[in-house]
């Protein structure tokens, strides 16, 4: 697997992926990256669910959804 194909970027080779990863580590630090990844994944999932018209389930540990 030499290149990662993304529809909006084109082909990314290993050097490009390494540069992007290095910049992300320098900007956010190693402890913050997993948290950012989880937030990005949650946002993408909610966006896809919104396109389908489904309501997202409320998380118990999400402080922004207090009842």
N, C-alpha and C. Protein backbone atom coordinates (compact mmCIF):
# COMPACT_ATOMS: atom_id res chain seq x y z
N UNK A 1 0.86 -1.18 0.00
CA UNK A 1 0.00 0.00 0.00
C UNK A 1 0.90 1.22 0.00
N UNK A 2 1.15 1.75 -1.16
CA UNK A 2 2.06 2.87 -1.30
C UNK A 2 1.39 4.21 -1.08
N UNK A 3 0.14 4.31 -1.46
CA UNK A 3 -0.53 5.60 -1.36
C UNK A 3 -1.91 5.44 -0.74
N UNK A 4 -2.31 6.45 0.00
CA UNK A 4 -3.65 6.51 0.56
C UNK A 4 -4.46 7.40 -0.39
N UNK A 5 -5.58 6.88 -0.88
CA UNK A 5 -6.40 7.65 -1.82
C UNK A 5 -7.54 8.34 -1.08
N UNK A 6 -7.54 9.64 -1.12
CA UNK A 6 -8.63 10.42 -0.57
C UNK A 6 -9.25 11.20 -1.71
N UNK A 7 -10.56 11.27 -1.74
CA UNK A 7 -11.27 11.86 -2.87
C UNK A 7 -10.91 13.34 -3.08
N UNK A 8 -10.73 14.07 -2.00
CA UNK A 8 -10.52 15.50 -2.14
C UNK A 8 -9.04 15.90 -2.14
N UNK A 9 -8.14 14.97 -1.87
CA UNK A 9 -6.72 15.31 -1.81
C UNK A 9 -5.94 14.68 -2.95
N UNK A 10 -6.31 13.51 -3.38
CA UNK A 10 -5.54 12.79 -4.38
C UNK A 10 -4.71 11.73 -3.69
N UNK A 11 -3.53 11.47 -4.19
CA UNK A 11 -2.69 10.44 -3.61
C UNK A 11 -1.71 11.00 -2.60
N UNK A 12 -1.64 10.38 -1.44
CA UNK A 12 -0.66 10.75 -0.43
C UNK A 12 0.34 9.61 -0.30
N UNK A 13 1.59 9.91 -0.45
CA UNK A 13 2.62 8.91 -0.26
C UNK A 13 3.09 8.89 1.18
N UNK A 14 4.00 7.98 1.47
CA UNK A 14 4.52 7.85 2.83
C UNK A 14 5.21 9.13 3.31
N UNK A 15 6.01 9.80 2.51
CA UNK A 15 6.63 11.04 3.00
C UNK A 15 5.62 12.12 3.40
N UNK A 16 4.55 12.25 2.62
CA UNK A 16 3.54 13.25 2.95
C UNK A 16 2.82 12.92 4.25
N UNK A 17 2.50 11.63 4.44
CA UNK A 17 1.82 11.20 5.66
C UNK A 17 2.72 11.44 6.87
N UNK A 18 4.01 11.17 6.74
CA UNK A 18 4.95 11.39 7.84
C UNK A 18 5.07 12.88 8.18
N UNK A 19 5.10 13.73 7.18
CA UNK A 19 5.18 15.18 7.43
C UNK A 19 3.92 15.66 8.14
N UNK A 20 2.75 15.22 7.68
CA UNK A 20 1.49 15.62 8.31
C UNK A 20 1.44 15.13 9.75
N UNK A 21 1.86 13.88 9.99
CA UNK A 21 1.88 13.34 11.35
C UNK A 21 2.83 14.09 12.26
N UNK A 22 4.00 14.43 11.75
CA UNK A 22 4.98 15.17 12.54
C UNK A 22 4.44 16.55 12.91
N UNK A 23 3.82 17.22 11.97
CA UNK A 23 3.26 18.55 12.24
C UNK A 23 2.15 18.44 13.28
N UNK A 24 1.31 17.41 13.18
CA UNK A 24 0.22 17.23 14.15
C UNK A 24 0.78 16.99 15.55
N UNK A 25 1.84 16.19 15.65
CA UNK A 25 2.45 15.93 16.96
C UNK A 25 3.06 17.20 17.53
N UNK A 26 3.71 17.99 16.68
CA UNK A 26 4.32 19.24 17.15
C UNK A 26 3.26 20.25 17.60
N UNK A 27 2.14 20.31 16.89
CA UNK A 27 1.11 21.27 17.24
C UNK A 27 0.31 20.88 18.48
N UNK A 28 -0.07 19.60 18.57
CA UNK A 28 -1.00 19.19 19.61
C UNK A 28 -0.38 18.36 20.72
N UNK A 29 0.75 17.74 20.48
CA UNK A 29 1.37 16.89 21.48
C UNK A 29 0.79 15.49 21.45
N UNK A 30 1.54 14.54 21.97
CA UNK A 30 1.14 13.14 21.89
C UNK A 30 -0.03 12.81 22.80
N UNK A 31 -0.22 13.52 23.87
CA UNK A 31 -1.31 13.21 24.79
C UNK A 31 -2.65 13.72 24.28
N UNK A 32 -2.64 14.73 23.45
CA UNK A 32 -3.89 15.34 22.97
C UNK A 32 -4.40 14.69 21.68
N UNK A 33 -3.53 14.01 20.91
CA UNK A 33 -3.93 13.45 19.63
C UNK A 33 -5.04 12.41 19.72
N UNK A 34 -5.00 11.45 20.66
CA UNK A 34 -6.13 10.49 20.73
C UNK A 34 -7.46 11.16 21.03
N UNK A 35 -7.45 12.17 21.88
CA UNK A 35 -8.67 12.90 22.20
C UNK A 35 -9.20 13.64 20.97
N UNK A 36 -8.30 14.23 20.19
CA UNK A 36 -8.72 14.92 18.98
C UNK A 36 -9.28 13.93 17.96
N UNK A 37 -8.67 12.76 17.87
CA UNK A 37 -9.16 11.73 16.95
C UNK A 37 -10.55 11.26 17.32
N UNK A 38 -10.79 11.06 18.61
CA UNK A 38 -12.12 10.63 19.06
C UNK A 38 -13.15 11.70 18.77
N UNK A 39 -12.80 12.95 19.01
CA UNK A 39 -13.72 14.04 18.73
C UNK A 39 -14.03 14.17 17.25
N UNK A 40 -13.02 13.98 16.41
CA UNK A 40 -13.23 14.05 14.97
C UNK A 40 -14.11 12.90 14.50
N UNK A 41 -13.87 11.70 15.02
CA UNK A 41 -14.69 10.55 14.64
C UNK A 41 -16.14 10.74 15.09
N UNK A 42 -16.34 11.27 16.29
CA UNK A 42 -17.70 11.52 16.79
C UNK A 42 -18.41 12.56 15.91
N UNK A 43 -17.68 13.59 15.52
CA UNK A 43 -18.27 14.62 14.66
C UNK A 43 -18.65 14.08 13.29
N UNK A 44 -17.81 13.25 12.72
CA UNK A 44 -18.12 12.64 11.42
C UNK A 44 -19.33 11.74 11.53
N UNK A 45 -19.40 10.96 12.60
CA UNK A 45 -20.55 10.05 12.79
C UNK A 45 -21.84 10.85 12.95
N UNK A 46 -21.80 11.92 13.74
CA UNK A 46 -22.99 12.74 13.92
C UNK A 46 -23.41 13.42 12.62
N UNK A 47 -22.44 13.81 11.81
CA UNK A 47 -22.73 14.43 10.52
C UNK A 47 -23.42 13.43 9.60
N UNK A 48 -22.89 12.20 9.55
CA UNK A 48 -23.50 11.17 8.70
C UNK A 48 -24.90 10.83 9.19
N UNK A 49 -25.07 10.73 10.51
CA UNK A 49 -26.40 10.45 11.06
C UNK A 49 -27.36 11.58 10.75
N UNK A 50 -26.88 12.80 10.78
CA UNK A 50 -27.72 13.95 10.45
C UNK A 50 -28.16 13.93 8.99
N UNK A 51 -27.28 13.48 8.11
CA UNK A 51 -27.66 13.38 6.70
C UNK A 51 -28.73 12.32 6.50
N UNK A 52 -28.68 11.26 7.30
CA UNK A 52 -29.67 10.19 7.19
C UNK A 52 -30.97 10.57 7.89
N UNK A 53 -30.95 11.58 8.73
CA UNK A 53 -32.14 12.00 9.46
C UNK A 53 -32.31 11.29 10.78
N UNK A 54 -31.28 10.61 11.24
CA UNK A 54 -31.35 9.91 12.51
C UNK A 54 -30.91 10.84 13.64
N UNK A 55 -31.52 10.67 14.80
CA UNK A 55 -31.12 11.46 15.96
C UNK A 55 -30.00 10.74 16.69
N UNK A 56 -28.96 11.47 17.05
CA UNK A 56 -27.82 10.88 17.75
C UNK A 56 -28.19 10.54 19.18
N UNK A 57 -27.76 9.38 19.67
CA UNK A 57 -28.04 9.05 21.08
C UNK A 57 -27.23 9.94 22.01
N UNK A 58 -27.80 10.25 23.16
CA UNK A 58 -27.10 11.11 24.12
C UNK A 58 -26.10 10.29 24.91
N UNK A 59 -24.90 10.80 25.03
CA UNK A 59 -23.85 10.13 25.81
C UNK A 59 -24.02 10.46 27.28
N UNK A 60 -23.74 9.48 28.12
CA UNK A 60 -23.82 9.71 29.56
C UNK A 60 -22.69 10.61 30.04
N UNK A 61 -21.52 10.49 29.42
CA UNK A 61 -20.34 11.22 29.89
C UNK A 61 -20.10 12.52 29.14
N UNK A 62 -21.01 12.94 28.27
CA UNK A 62 -20.84 14.17 27.51
C UNK A 62 -21.36 15.34 28.34
N UNK A 63 -20.47 16.22 28.80
CA UNK A 63 -20.91 17.33 29.67
C UNK A 63 -21.74 18.37 28.95
N UNK A 64 -21.70 18.43 27.62
CA UNK A 64 -22.46 19.45 26.90
C UNK A 64 -23.95 19.10 26.80
N UNK A 65 -24.33 17.86 27.15
CA UNK A 65 -25.71 17.44 27.05
C UNK A 65 -26.29 17.16 28.44
N UNK A 66 -26.25 18.16 29.30
CA UNK A 66 -26.80 17.99 30.65
C UNK A 66 -28.31 18.13 30.59
N UNK A 67 -28.99 17.30 31.38
CA UNK A 67 -30.46 17.38 31.39
C UNK A 67 -30.98 17.92 32.70
